[in-house]
Amino acid sequence: MPVKNADLFLDECIESIISQSYSNWELLAVNDNSTDETLEILKRFSTLDSRITAVNNQKNGIIEALKTGYNISKGGFITRMDADDVMPKIKLEKLQKLLIISGKGFVATGLVKYFSEKPLGNGYIKYEQWLNDLSSKGLNYSEIYKECPIPSPCWMMWKDDFELCGGFNSETYPEDYDLAFRMYQNKIQPKCSNEILHHWRDSENRASRINNNYKDNHFIPLKIKHFKDIDYNPNNQLYLWGAGKKGKKIAQALLKNNIPFRWLCNYQSKIGRNIYEIIMEDCDAVNLNNSQIIIAVANESDQKEILKTILKFNSTNYFYFC
């Protein structure tokens, strides 16, 4: 558990771990250069409970803190926790049982629930619904290029499988999304509990809100990198569908990675325009058989219309990037 300036929520978080119905755990809490009372709180808990080890991050950042904790871990199962969140009492027990039953080659996860002192934004509500819907159906990877489909503080893996995926050794942010892609690439299959196993706190100081490593400009390069490594087929024509703000950023990333593509649009005003030396094409005037399509259109009703068009063709693979 990486911890940085979390003294407001740390007691509640650690107490939820101590209260777990499954008791054979170790908590490696890594203080990431905090300037508040974080270290004092960690030391207090480590004195009270021998299962808790408090250490300092010798470098900076969440990734280095995760590495520090993992390097001194002894367990056969691995999970991570965020210092401002809360575990339901059954979390560790349920996740471990899923792995015992399933065996190697699986990542156990569960449903999640956001909570906040202030009203939740619509984006968080939609993300929770989307994530829980995928998890409950075991379809986490089906829309992996949209958002991170494995909730970073609500998974557990066999240590061997975790190391197969490269563990916390990647230097790539967002580190949780990068790990999810590596699970996908190594065919680690999701196994989901139908119970809420993590309470996700939204606060003004949450890393995903204030840390530049979690800004949108980091997500698209990450998606394109893994698309190129995992799903891209150079033998099939690649199309990019959508020329809005997100579509243009994706186009730039594709060009930077030397991935050739044709660009589709259904707005007459843009058809025929030259953008980044690529001519915009009419989506109704191309044959999409045996192709791959990146959908860069966020509007849900527009996505449904795009899908109707795509399904008219044979052997076409599509990927939602937003």
C-alpha atoms as a PDB file:
ATOM      1  CA  MET A   1       0.000   0.000   0.000  1.00  0.00           C
ATOM      2  CA  PRO A   2       1.676   3.229  -1.139  1.00  0.00           C
ATOM      3  CA  VAL A   3       0.849   6.074   1.219  1.00  0.00           C
ATOM      4  CA  LYS A   4       1.366   9.782   0.617  1.00  0.00           C
ATOM      5  CA  ASN A   5      -0.131  12.489   2.839  1.00  0.00           C
ATOM      6  CA  ALA A   6      -3.116  10.336   3.768  1.00  0.00           C
ATOM      7  CA  ASP A   7      -3.370  11.096   7.469  1.00  0.00           C
ATOM      8  CA  LEU A   8      -7.024  12.175   7.187  1.00  0.00           C
ATOM      9  CA  PHE A   9      -8.174   8.732   6.057  1.00  0.00           C
ATOM     10  CA  LEU A  10      -5.399   6.359   7.068  1.00  0.00           C
ATOM     11  CA  ASP A  11      -6.858   5.208  10.401  1.00  0.00           C
ATOM     12  CA  GLU A  12     -10.129   4.194   8.778  1.00  0.00           C
ATOM     13  CA  CYS A  13      -8.320   2.418   5.957  1.00  0.00           C
ATOM     14  CA  ILE A  14      -5.991   0.353   8.167  1.00  0.00           C
ATOM     15  CA  GLU A  15      -8.727  -0.480  10.648  1.00  0.00           C
ATOM     16  CA  SER A  16     -10.735  -1.961   7.763  1.00  0.00           C
ATOM     17  CA  ILE A  17      -7.744  -4.203   6.967  1.00  0.00           C
ATOM     18  CA  ILE A  18      -7.288  -5.264  10.583  1.00  0.00           C
ATOM     19  CA  SER A  19     -11.001  -6.160  10.706  1.00  0.00           C
ATOM     20  CA  GLN A  20     -10.807  -8.598   7.776  1.00  0.00           C
ATOM     21  CA  SER A  21     -12.486 -11.986   8.245  1.00  0.00           C
ATOM     22  CA  TYR A  22      -9.365 -13.509   6.665  1.00  0.00           C
ATOM     23  CA  SER A  23      -6.530 -12.947   9.105  1.00  0.00           C
ATOM     24  CA  ASN A  24      -3.402 -14.436   7.490  1.00  0.00           C
ATOM     25  CA  TRP A  25      -2.243 -11.300   5.698  1.00  0.00           C
ATOM     26  CA  GLU A  26       0.699  -8.918   5.799  1.00  0.00           C
ATOM     27  CA  LEU A  27       0.409  -5.214   5.056  1.00  0.00           C
ATOM     28  CA  LEU A  28       3.479  -3.557   3.560  1.00  0.00           C
ATOM     29  CA  ALA A  29       2.709   0.142   3.981  1.00  0.00           C
ATOM     30  CA  VAL A  30       5.188   2.340   2.135  1.00  0.00           C
ATOM     31  CA  ASN A  31       5.400   5.995   3.135  1.00  0.00           C
ATOM     32  CA  ASP A  32       6.024   7.932  -0.081  1.00  0.00           C
ATOM     33  CA  ASN A  33       7.768  11.046   1.276  1.00  0.00           C
ATOM     34  CA  SER A  34       4.730  12.292   3.178  1.00  0.00           C
ATOM     35  CA  THR A  35       4.825  15.707   4.834  1.00  0.00           C
ATOM     36  CA  ASP A  36       1.883  15.178   7.185  1.00  0.00           C
ATOM     37  CA  GLU A  37       1.362  12.687  10.057  1.00  0.00           C
ATOM     38  CA  THR A  38       1.300   9.638   7.756  1.00  0.00           C
ATOM     39  CA  LEU A  39       4.547   8.051   8.969  1.00  0.00           C
ATOM     40  CA  GLU A  40       3.604   8.451  12.638  1.00  0.00           C
ATOM     41  CA  ILE A  41       0.255   6.754  12.021  1.00  0.00           C
ATOM     42  CA  LEU A  42       1.911   3.873  10.159  1.00  0.00           C
ATOM     43  CA  LYS A  43       4.446   3.384  12.943  1.00  0.00           C
ATOM     44  CA  ARG A  44       1.670   3.359  15.546  1.00  0.00           C
ATOM     45  CA  PHE A  45      -0.246   0.648  13.719  1.00  0.00           C
ATOM     46  CA  SER A  46       2.885  -1.425  13.083  1.00  0.00           C
ATOM     47  CA  THR A  47       3.555  -1.373  16.828  1.00  0.00           C
ATOM     48  CA  LEU A  48       0.011  -2.510  17.588  1.00  0.00           C
ATOM     49  CA  ASP A  49      -0.151  -5.267  14.935  1.00  0.00           C
ATOM     50  CA  SER A  50       2.872  -7.351  13.908  1.00  0.00           C
ATOM     51  CA  ARG A  51       1.270  -8.067  10.510  1.00  0.00           C
ATOM     52  CA  ILE A  52       1.818  -4.434   9.548  1.00  0.00           C
ATOM     53  CA  THR A  53       5.228  -3.269   8.317  1.00  0.00           C
ATOM     54  CA  ALA A  54       5.870   0.430   7.772  1.00  0.00           C
ATOM     55  CA  VAL A  55       8.769   1.414   5.524  1.00  0.00           C
ATOM     56  CA  ASN A  56       9.897   4.544   3.705  1.00  0.00           C
ATOM     57  CA  ASN A  57      10.062   4.848  -0.067  1.00  0.00           C
ATOM     58  CA  GLN A  58      13.729   5.404  -0.892  1.00  0.00           C
ATOM     59  CA  LYS A  59      12.732   7.102  -4.150  1.00  0.00           C
ATOM     60  CA  ASN A  60       9.600   9.002  -5.214  1.00  0.00           C
ATOM     61  CA  GLY A  61       6.214   8.055  -6.597  1.00  0.00           C
ATOM     62  CA  ILE A  62       3.601   5.324  -6.450  1.00  0.00           C
ATOM     63  CA  ILE A  63       5.465   2.908  -8.739  1.00  0.00           C
ATOM     64  CA  GLU A  64       8.646   3.021  -6.637  1.00  0.00           C
ATOM     65  CA  ALA A  65       6.565   2.665  -3.459  1.00  0.00           C
ATOM     66  CA  LEU A  66       4.817  -0.406  -4.885  1.00  0.00           C
ATOM     67  CA  LYS A  67       8.180  -1.937  -5.812  1.00  0.00           C
ATOM     68  CA  THR A  68       9.537  -1.251  -2.326  1.00  0.00           C
ATOM     69  CA  GLY A  69       6.606  -3.007  -0.693  1.00  0.00           C
ATOM     70  CA  TYR A  70       6.583  -5.932  -3.091  1.00  0.00           C
ATOM     71  CA  ASN A  71      10.298  -6.587  -2.680  1.00  0.00           C
ATOM     72  CA  ILE A  72       9.821  -7.397   1.014  1.00  0.00           C
ATOM     73  CA  SER A  73       6.541  -9.294   0.643  1.00  0.00           C
ATOM     74  CA  LYS A  74       6.364 -12.961   1.630  1.00  0.00           C
ATOM     75  CA  GLY A  75       2.832 -14.004   0.704  1.00  0.00           C
ATOM     76  CA  GLY A  76       1.778 -16.379  -2.052  1.00  0.00           C
ATOM     77  CA  PHE A  77      -1.032 -14.034  -3.080  1.00  0.00           C
ATOM     78  CA  ILE A  78      -0.637 -10.373  -4.023  1.00  0.00           C
ATOM     79  CA  THR A  79      -3.040  -7.465  -3.864  1.00  0.00           C
ATOM     80  CA  ARG A  80      -2.727  -3.720  -3.382  1.00  0.00           C
ATOM     81  CA  MET A  81      -4.639  -1.140  -1.401  1.00  0.00           C
ATOM     82  CA  ASP A  82      -5.080   2.626  -1.629  1.00  0.00           C
ATOM     83  CA  ALA A  83      -4.557   4.484   1.616  1.00  0.00           C
ATOM     84  CA  ASP A  84      -7.755   6.530   1.441  1.00  0.00           C
ATOM     85  CA  ASP A  85     -10.086   3.611   0.639  1.00  0.00           C
ATOM     86  CA  VAL A  86     -11.925   1.069   2.788  1.00  0.00           C
ATOM     87  CA  MET A  87     -12.128  -2.722   2.624  1.00  0.00           C
ATOM     88  CA  PRO A  88     -15.413  -4.498   3.375  1.00  0.00           C
ATOM     89  CA  LYS A  89     -14.791  -7.137   6.035  1.00  0.00           C
ATOM     90  CA  ILE A  90     -15.024 -10.061   3.591  1.00  0.00           C
ATOM     91  CA  LYS A  91     -12.767  -8.679   0.867  1.00  0.00           C
ATOM     92  CA  LEU A  92      -9.568 -10.686   1.342  1.00  0.00           C
ATOM     93  CA  GLU A  93     -11.453 -13.867   2.166  1.00  0.00           C
ATOM     94  CA  LYS A  94     -13.610 -13.676  -0.965  1.00  0.00           C
ATOM     95  CA  LEU A  95     -10.745 -12.822  -3.321  1.00  0.00           C
ATOM     96  CA  GLN A  96      -8.495 -15.565  -1.990  1.00  0.00           C
ATOM     97  CA  LYS A  97     -11.267 -18.185  -2.209  1.00  0.00           C
ATOM     98  CA  LEU A  98     -11.869 -17.265  -5.855  1.00  0.00           C
ATOM     99  CA  LEU A  99      -8.215 -17.924  -6.612  1.00  0.00           C
ATOM    100  CA  ILE A 100      -8.113 -21.175  -4.651  1.00  0.00           C
ATOM    101  CA  ILE A 101     -11.139 -22.465  -6.548  1.00  0.00           C
ATOM    102  CA  SER A 102      -9.967 -21.221  -9.956  1.00  0.00           C
ATOM    103  CA  GLY A 103      -6.280 -22.106  -9.692  1.00  0.00           C
ATOM    104  CA  LYS A 104      -3.453 -20.342 -11.506  1.00  0.00           C
ATOM    105  CA  GLY A 105      -4.076 -18.107 -14.505  1.00  0.00           C
ATOM    106  CA  PHE A 106      -6.795 -15.951 -12.949  1.00  0.00           C
ATOM    107  CA  VAL A 107      -7.112 -12.519 -11.363  1.00  0.00           C
ATOM    108  CA  ALA A 108      -9.809 -12.284  -8.694  1.00  0.00           C
ATOM    109  CA  THR A 109     -11.814  -9.104  -8.461  1.00  0.00           C
ATOM    110  CA  GLY A 110     -15.142  -7.847  -7.188  1.00  0.00           C
ATOM    111  CA  LEU A 111     -17.651  -5.062  -7.487  1.00  0.00           C
ATOM    112  CA  VAL A 112     -16.710  -1.572  -6.310  1.00  0.00           C
ATOM    113  CA  LYS A 113     -18.569   1.336  -4.776  1.00  0.00           C
ATOM    114  CA  TYR A 114     -17.540   4.989  -4.785  1.00  0.00           C
ATOM    115  CA  PHE A 115     -18.185   7.157  -1.750  1.00  0.00           C
ATOM    116  CA  SER A 116     -17.469  10.799  -1.012  1.00  0.00           C
ATOM    117  CA  GLU A 117     -18.227  13.549   1.458  1.00  0.00           C
ATOM    118  CA  LYS A 118     -19.483  15.547  -1.515  1.00  0.00           C
ATOM    119  CA  PRO A 119     -21.928  14.484  -4.244  1.00  0.00           C
ATOM    120  CA  LEU A 120     -20.236  12.200  -6.753  1.00  0.00           C
ATOM    121  CA  GLY A 121     -19.705  13.520 -10.255  1.00  0.00           C
ATOM    122  CA  ASN A 122     -21.513  11.862 -13.127  1.00  0.00           C
ATOM    123  CA  GLY A 123     -18.227  10.563 -14.527  1.00  0.00           C
ATOM    124  CA  TYR A 124     -17.501   8.546 -11.393  1.00  0.00           C
ATOM    125  CA  ILE A 125     -21.035   7.149 -11.298  1.00  0.00           C
ATOM    126  CA  LYS A 126     -20.809   6.049 -14.946  1.00  0.00           C
ATOM    127  CA  TYR A 127     -17.364   4.516 -14.459  1.00  0.00           C
ATOM    128  CA  GLU A 128     -18.580   2.518 -11.450  1.00  0.00           C
ATOM    129  CA  GLN A 129     -21.602   1.239 -13.383  1.00  0.00           C
ATOM    130  CA  TRP A 130     -19.502   0.391 -16.458  1.00  0.00           C
ATOM    131  CA  LEU A 131     -16.846  -1.389 -14.416  1.00  0.00           C
ATOM    132  CA  ASN A 132     -19.298  -3.388 -12.317  1.00  0.00           C
ATOM    133  CA  ASP A 133     -21.291  -4.393 -15.375  1.00  0.00           C
ATOM    134  CA  LEU A 134     -18.181  -5.761 -17.096  1.00  0.00           C
ATOM    135  CA  SER A 135     -16.954  -7.502 -13.949  1.00  0.00           C
ATOM    136  CA  SER A 136     -20.284  -9.158 -13.170  1.00  0.00           C
ATOM    137  CA  LYS A 137     -20.264 -10.679 -16.662  1.00  0.00           C
ATOM    138  CA  GLY A 138     -16.562 -11.587 -16.626  1.00  0.00           C
ATOM    139  CA  LEU A 139     -16.028  -9.387 -19.679  1.00  0.00           C
ATOM    140  CA  ASN A 140     -13.449  -6.997 -18.247  1.00  0.00           C
ATOM    141  CA  TYR A 141     -11.133  -7.149 -21.238  1.00  0.00           C
ATOM    142  CA  SER A 142     -13.863  -6.675 -23.845  1.00  0.00           C
ATOM    143  CA  GLU A 143     -13.610  -2.885 -23.514  1.00  0.00           C
ATOM    144  CA  ILE A 144     -10.072  -2.578 -22.170  1.00  0.00           C
ATOM    145  CA  TYR A 145      -9.199   0.280 -24.541  1.00  0.00           C
ATOM    146  CA  LYS A 146     -11.954   2.474 -23.060  1.00  0.00           C
ATOM    147  CA  GLU A 147     -10.799   2.664 -19.454  1.00  0.00           C
ATOM    148  CA  CYS A 148      -8.941   0.518 -16.941  1.00  0.00           C
ATOM    149  CA  PRO A 149     -11.262  -2.526 -16.536  1.00  0.00           C
ATOM    150  CA  ILE A 150      -9.567  -3.987 -13.433  1.00  0.00           C
ATOM    151  CA  PRO A 151     -10.045  -1.735 -10.380  1.00  0.00           C
ATOM    152  CA  SER A 152      -6.530  -1.111  -9.060  1.00  0.00           C
ATOM    153  CA  PRO A 153      -7.306  -1.600  -5.355  1.00  0.00           C
ATOM    154  CA  CYS A 154      -9.714  -4.521  -5.909  1.00  0.00           C
ATOM    155  CA  TRP A 155      -7.806  -7.443  -7.373  1.00  0.00           C
ATOM    156  CA  MET A 156      -5.765 -10.380  -6.118  1.00  0.00           C
ATOM    157  CA  MET A 157      -3.409 -12.704  -7.999  1.00  0.00           C
ATOM    158  CA  TRP A 158      -1.216 -15.707  -7.357  1.00  0.00           C
ATOM    159  CA  LYS A 159       2.324 -14.397  -6.892  1.00  0.00           C
ATOM    160  CA  ASP A 160       3.565 -16.547  -9.805  1.00  0.00           C
ATOM    161  CA  ASP A 161       0.968 -15.043 -12.169  1.00  0.00           C
ATOM    162  CA  PHE A 162       1.732 -11.563 -10.917  1.00  0.00           C
ATOM    163  CA  GLU A 163       5.421 -12.000 -11.707  1.00  0.00           C
ATOM    164  CA  LEU A 164       4.542 -13.505 -15.088  1.00  0.00           C
ATOM    165  CA  CYS A 165       2.883 -10.173 -15.885  1.00  0.00           C
ATOM    166  CA  GLY A 166       5.964  -8.224 -14.800  1.00  0.00           C
ATOM    167  CA  GLY A 167       4.611  -7.213 -11.419  1.00  0.00           C
ATOM    168  CA  PHE A 168       5.201  -3.594 -10.470  1.00  0.00           C
ATOM    169  CA  ASN A 169       8.349  -3.391 -12.585  1.00  0.00           C
ATOM    170  CA  SER A 170       6.862  -1.243 -15.339  1.00  0.00           C
ATOM    171  CA  GLU A 171       7.802   2.443 -15.308  1.00  0.00           C
ATOM    172  CA  THR A 172       4.613   3.348 -17.174  1.00  0.00           C
ATOM    173  CA  TYR A 173       1.852   5.525 -15.747  1.00  0.00           C
ATOM    174  CA  PRO A 174      -1.037   5.086 -15.137  1.00  0.00           C
ATOM    175  CA  GLU A 175       0.483   2.028 -13.447  1.00  0.00           C
ATOM    176  CA  ASP A 176      -2.828   0.303 -12.686  1.00  0.00           C
ATOM    177  CA  TYR A 177      -4.014   0.526 -16.298  1.00  0.00           C
ATOM    178  CA  ASP A 178      -0.634  -0.679 -17.567  1.00  0.00           C
ATOM    179  CA  LEU A 179      -0.840  -3.699 -15.247  1.00  0.00           C
ATOM    180  CA  ALA A 180      -4.347  -4.499 -16.506  1.00  0.00           C
ATOM    181  CA  PHE A 181      -3.024  -4.536 -20.071  1.00  0.00           C
ATOM    182  CA  ARG A 182      -0.228  -6.891 -19.026  1.00  0.00           C
ATOM    183  CA  MET A 183      -2.779  -9.215 -17.387  1.00  0.00           C
ATOM    184  CA  TYR A 184      -4.708  -9.160 -20.653  1.00  0.00           C
ATOM    185  CA  GLN A 185      -1.594  -9.811 -22.735  1.00  0.00           C
ATOM    186  CA  ASN A 186      -0.631 -12.791 -20.555  1.00  0.00           C
ATOM    187  CA  LYS A 187      -4.167 -14.212 -20.694  1.00  0.00           C
ATOM    188  CA  ILE A 188      -4.810 -13.901 -16.964  1.00  0.00           C
ATOM    189  CA  GLN A 189      -8.580 -14.353 -16.863  1.00  0.00           C
ATOM    190  CA  PRO A 190     -10.817 -12.280 -14.558  1.00  0.00           C
ATOM    191  CA  LYS A 191     -12.855 -14.090 -11.921  1.00  0.00           C
ATOM    192  CA  CYS A 192     -15.329 -11.783 -10.226  1.00  0.00           C
ATOM    193  CA  SER A 193     -17.278 -11.947  -6.988  1.00  0.00           C
ATOM    194  CA  ASN A 194     -20.823 -10.608  -7.280  1.00  0.00           C
ATOM    195  CA  GLU A 195     -20.392  -8.724  -4.000  1.00  0.00           C
ATOM    196  CA  ILE A 196     -19.038  -5.238  -3.387  1.00  0.00           C
ATOM    197  CA  LEU A 197     -15.453  -5.832  -2.213  1.00  0.00           C
ATOM    198  CA  HIS A 198     -14.032  -2.338  -2.273  1.00  0.00           C
ATOM    199  CA  HIS A 199     -15.178   1.103  -1.186  1.00  0.00           C
ATOM    200  CA  TRP A 200     -13.459   3.677  -3.376  1.00  0.00           C
ATOM    201  CA  ARG A 201     -13.131   7.146  -1.849  1.00  0.00           C
ATOM    202  CA  ASP A 202     -13.333  10.172  -4.104  1.00  0.00           C
ATOM    203  CA  SER A 203     -11.615  13.181  -2.573  1.00  0.00           C
ATOM    204  CA  GLU A 204     -10.060  16.394  -3.832  1.00  0.00           C
ATOM    205  CA  ASN A 205      -6.559  15.078  -3.070  1.00  0.00           C
ATOM    206  CA  ARG A 206      -6.928  11.731  -4.828  1.00  0.00           C
ATOM    207  CA  ALA A 207      -3.877  10.996  -7.003  1.00  0.00           C
ATOM    208  CA  SER A 208      -5.995  10.527 -10.116  1.00  0.00           C
ATOM    209  CA  ARG A 209      -7.214  14.113  -9.671  1.00  0.00           C
ATOM    210  CA  ILE A 210      -4.007  15.973  -8.835  1.00  0.00           C
ATOM    211  CA  ASN A 211      -1.100  13.919 -10.238  1.00  0.00           C
ATOM    212  CA  ASN A 212      -0.055  14.733 -13.805  1.00  0.00           C
ATOM    213  CA  ASN A 213       0.748  11.060 -14.406  1.00  0.00           C
ATOM    214  CA  TYR A 214      -2.994  10.368 -14.511  1.00  0.00           C
ATOM    215  CA  LYS A 215      -3.967  13.066 -16.968  1.00  0.00           C
ATOM    216  CA  ASP A 216      -5.597  12.125 -20.270  1.00  0.00           C
ATOM    217  CA  ASN A 217      -2.436  12.742 -22.287  1.00  0.00           C
ATOM    218  CA  HIS A 218      -0.872   9.669 -20.632  1.00  0.00           C
ATOM    219  CA  PHE A 219      -3.777   7.340 -21.424  1.00  0.00           C
ATOM    220  CA  ILE A 220      -3.756   7.483 -25.230  1.00  0.00           C
ATOM    221  CA  PRO A 221      -0.044   6.648 -25.672  1.00  0.00           C
ATOM    222  CA  LEU A 222      -0.508   3.762 -23.219  1.00  0.00           C
ATOM    223  CA  LYS A 223      -3.493   2.427 -25.168  1.00  0.00           C
ATOM    224  CA  ILE A 224      -1.722   2.685 -28.526  1.00  0.00           C
ATOM    225  CA  LYS A 225       1.423   1.004 -27.173  1.00  0.00           C
ATOM    226  CA  HIS A 226      -0.517  -2.005 -25.927  1.00  0.00           C
ATOM    227  CA  PHE A 227      -2.782  -2.102 -28.973  1.00  0.00           C
ATOM    228  CA  LYS A 228       0.318  -2.327 -31.150  1.00  0.00           C
ATOM    229  CA  ASP A 229       1.779  -5.106 -28.990  1.00  0.00           C
ATOM    230  CA  ILE A 230      -1.393  -7.148 -28.428  1.00  0.00           C
ATOM    231  CA  ASP A 231      -4.202  -6.642 -30.932  1.00  0.00           C
ATOM    232  CA  TYR A 232      -2.900  -4.783 -33.957  1.00  0.00           C
ATOM    233  CA  ASN A 233      -2.782  -6.925 -37.098  1.00  0.00           C
ATOM    234  CA  PRO A 234      -0.708  -5.307 -39.875  1.00  0.00           C
ATOM    235  CA  ASN A 235      -2.261  -7.708 -42.395  1.00  0.00           C
ATOM    236  CA  ASN A 236      -5.673  -6.077 -41.948  1.00  0.00           C
ATOM    237  CA  GLN A 237      -6.563  -2.515 -42.878  1.00  0.00           C
ATOM    238  CA  LEU A 238      -6.790  -0.318 -39.792  1.00  0.00           C
ATOM    239  CA  TYR A 239      -9.422   2.424 -39.698  1.00  0.00           C
ATOM    240  CA  LEU A 240      -9.773   5.233 -37.198  1.00  0.00           C
ATOM    241  CA  TRP A 241     -13.414   6.310 -36.881  1.00  0.00           C
ATOM    242  CA  GLY A 242     -13.936   9.770 -35.452  1.00  0.00           C
ATOM    243  CA  ALA A 243     -12.246  13.128 -36.003  1.00  0.00           C
ATOM    244  CA  GLY A 244     -13.056  14.957 -32.811  1.00  0.00           C
ATOM    245  CA  LYS A 245     -10.568  16.023 -30.159  1.00  0.00           C
ATOM    246  CA  LYS A 246      -9.975  12.444 -28.966  1.00  0.00           C
ATOM    247  CA  GLY A 247      -9.772  11.114 -32.535  1.00  0.00           C
ATOM    248  CA  LYS A 248      -7.063  13.624 -33.431  1.00  0.00           C
ATOM    249  CA  LYS A 249      -4.985  12.673 -30.380  1.00  0.00           C
ATOM    250  CA  ILE A 250      -5.307   8.992 -31.304  1.00  0.00           C
ATOM    251  CA  ALA A 251      -4.307   9.798 -34.887  1.00  0.00           C
ATOM    252  CA  GLN A 252      -1.194  11.584 -33.648  1.00  0.00           C
ATOM    253  CA  ALA A 253      -0.274   8.600 -31.466  1.00  0.00           C
ATOM    254  CA  LEU A 254      -0.770   6.152 -34.340  1.00  0.00           C
ATOM    255  CA  LEU A 255       1.446   8.239 -36.592  1.00  0.00           C
ATOM    256  CA  LYS A 256       4.095   8.509 -33.897  1.00  0.00           C
ATOM    257  CA  ASN A 257       4.105   4.702 -33.622  1.00  0.00           C
ATOM    258  CA  ASN A 258       4.318   4.269 -37.414  1.00  0.00           C
ATOM    259  CA  ILE A 259       0.957   2.499 -37.554  1.00  0.00           C
ATOM    260  CA  PRO A 260      -0.705   3.181 -40.935  1.00  0.00           C
ATOM    261  CA  PHE A 261      -4.443   3.829 -40.946  1.00  0.00           C
ATOM    262  CA  ARG A 262      -7.310   5.268 -42.921  1.00  0.00           C
ATOM    263  CA  TRP A 263      -9.515   7.879 -41.276  1.00  0.00           C
ATOM    264  CA  LEU A 264     -13.302   7.672 -41.308  1.00  0.00           C
ATOM    265  CA  CYS A 265     -15.876  10.311 -40.544  1.00  0.00           C
ATOM    266  CA  ASN A 266     -19.639  10.631 -40.880  1.00  0.00           C
ATOM    267  CA  TYR A 267     -19.717  14.454 -40.894  1.00  0.00           C
ATOM    268  CA  GLN A 268     -20.011  15.786 -44.430  1.00  0.00           C
ATOM    269  CA  SER A 269     -18.204  18.985 -43.485  1.00  0.00           C
ATOM    270  CA  LYS A 270     -15.025  17.022 -42.660  1.00  0.00           C
ATOM    271  CA  ILE A 271     -15.066  14.446 -45.459  1.00  0.00           C
ATOM    272  CA  GLY A 272     -12.266  15.155 -47.939  1.00  0.00           C
ATOM    273  CA  ARG A 273     -10.303  17.330 -45.548  1.00  0.00           C
ATOM    274  CA  ASN A 274      -6.585  16.738 -45.101  1.00  0.00           C
ATOM    275  CA  ILE A 275      -5.627  16.332 -41.459  1.00  0.00           C
ATOM    276  CA  TYR A 276      -2.050  15.324 -40.604  1.00  0.00           C
ATOM    277  CA  GLU A 277      -1.598  14.447 -44.320  1.00  0.00           C
ATOM    278  CA  ILE A 278      -4.469  11.946 -44.155  1.00  0.00           C
ATOM    279  CA  ILE A 279      -7.665  12.467 -46.150  1.00  0.00           C
ATOM    280  CA  MET A 280     -10.900  12.042 -44.221  1.00  0.00           C
ATOM    281  CA  GLU A 281     -13.108   9.403 -45.860  1.00  0.00           C
ATOM    282  CA  ASP A 282     -16.858   8.899 -45.922  1.00  0.00           C
ATOM    283  CA  CYS A 283     -17.690   5.979 -43.605  1.00  0.00           C
ATOM    284  CA  ASP A 284     -20.529   4.947 -45.927  1.00  0.00           C
ATOM    285  CA  ALA A 285     -18.242   4.653 -48.945  1.00  0.00           C
ATOM    286  CA  VAL A 286     -15.672   2.114 -47.729  1.00  0.00           C
ATOM    287  CA  ASN A 287     -15.625  -1.673 -47.522  1.00  0.00           C
ATOM    288  CA  LEU A 288     -14.835  -2.690 -43.960  1.00  0.00           C
ATOM    289  CA  ASN A 289     -14.445  -6.412 -44.572  1.00  0.00           C
ATOM    290  CA  ASN A 290     -11.396  -7.966 -42.890  1.00  0.00           C
ATOM    291  CA  SER A 291     -10.442  -4.770 -41.125  1.00  0.00           C
ATOM    292  CA  GLN A 292      -9.695  -3.407 -37.685  1.00  0.00           C
ATOM    293  CA  ILE A 293     -11.451  -0.290 -36.435  1.00  0.00           C
ATOM    294  CA  ILE A 294     -10.585   2.046 -33.583  1.00  0.00           C
ATOM    295  CA  ILE A 295     -13.745   3.857 -32.504  1.00  0.00           C
ATOM    296  CA  ALA A 296     -12.902   7.328 -31.208  1.00  0.00           C
ATOM    297  CA  VAL A 297     -16.477   8.539 -30.739  1.00  0.00           C
ATOM    298  CA  ALA A 298     -17.663   8.923 -27.140  1.00  0.00           C
ATOM    299  CA  ASN A 299     -21.377   9.573 -27.668  1.00  0.00           C
ATOM    300  CA  GLU A 300     -23.222   6.346 -26.823  1.00  0.00           C
ATOM    301  CA  SER A 301     -25.975   6.750 -29.404  1.00  0.00           C
ATOM    302  CA  ASP A 302     -23.358   7.456 -32.091  1.00  0.00           C
ATOM    303  CA  GLN A 303     -21.444   4.366 -30.994  1.00  0.00           C
ATOM    304  CA  LYS A 304     -24.551   2.244 -31.489  1.00  0.00           C
ATOM    305  CA  GLU A 305     -24.996   3.563 -35.018  1.00  0.00           C
ATOM    306  CA  ILE A 306     -21.326   2.925 -35.783  1.00  0.00           C
ATOM    307  CA  LEU A 307     -21.656  -0.624 -34.504  1.00  0.00           C
ATOM    308  CA  LYS A 308     -24.666  -1.231 -36.750  1.00  0.00           C
ATOM    309  CA  THR A 309     -22.549  -0.252 -39.735  1.00  0.00           C
ATOM    310  CA  ILE A 310     -19.571  -2.360 -38.683  1.00  0.00           C
ATOM    311  CA  LEU A 311     -21.655  -5.495 -38.132  1.00  0.00           C
ATOM    312  CA  LYS A 312     -22.732  -5.466 -41.771  1.00  0.00           C
ATOM    313  CA  PHE A 313     -19.214  -6.529 -42.730  1.00  0.00           C
ATOM    314  CA  ASN A 314     -17.290  -9.777 -42.233  1.00  0.00           C
ATOM    315  CA  SER A 315     -14.228 -10.431 -40.063  1.00  0.00           C
ATOM    316  CA  THR A 316     -14.118  -6.904 -38.703  1.00  0.00           C
ATOM    317  CA  ASN A 317     -12.607  -6.298 -35.257  1.00  0.00           C
ATOM    318  CA  TYR A 318     -13.458  -3.085 -33.441  1.00  0.00           C
ATOM    319  CA  PHE A 319     -12.036  -1.433 -30.341  1.00  0.00           C
ATOM    320  CA  TYR A 320     -13.668   1.323 -28.319  1.00  0.00           C
ATOM    321  CA  PHE A 321     -11.025   3.878 -27.367  1.00  0.00           C
ATOM    322  CA  CYS A 322     -13.436   6.190 -25.553  1.00  0.00           C
END
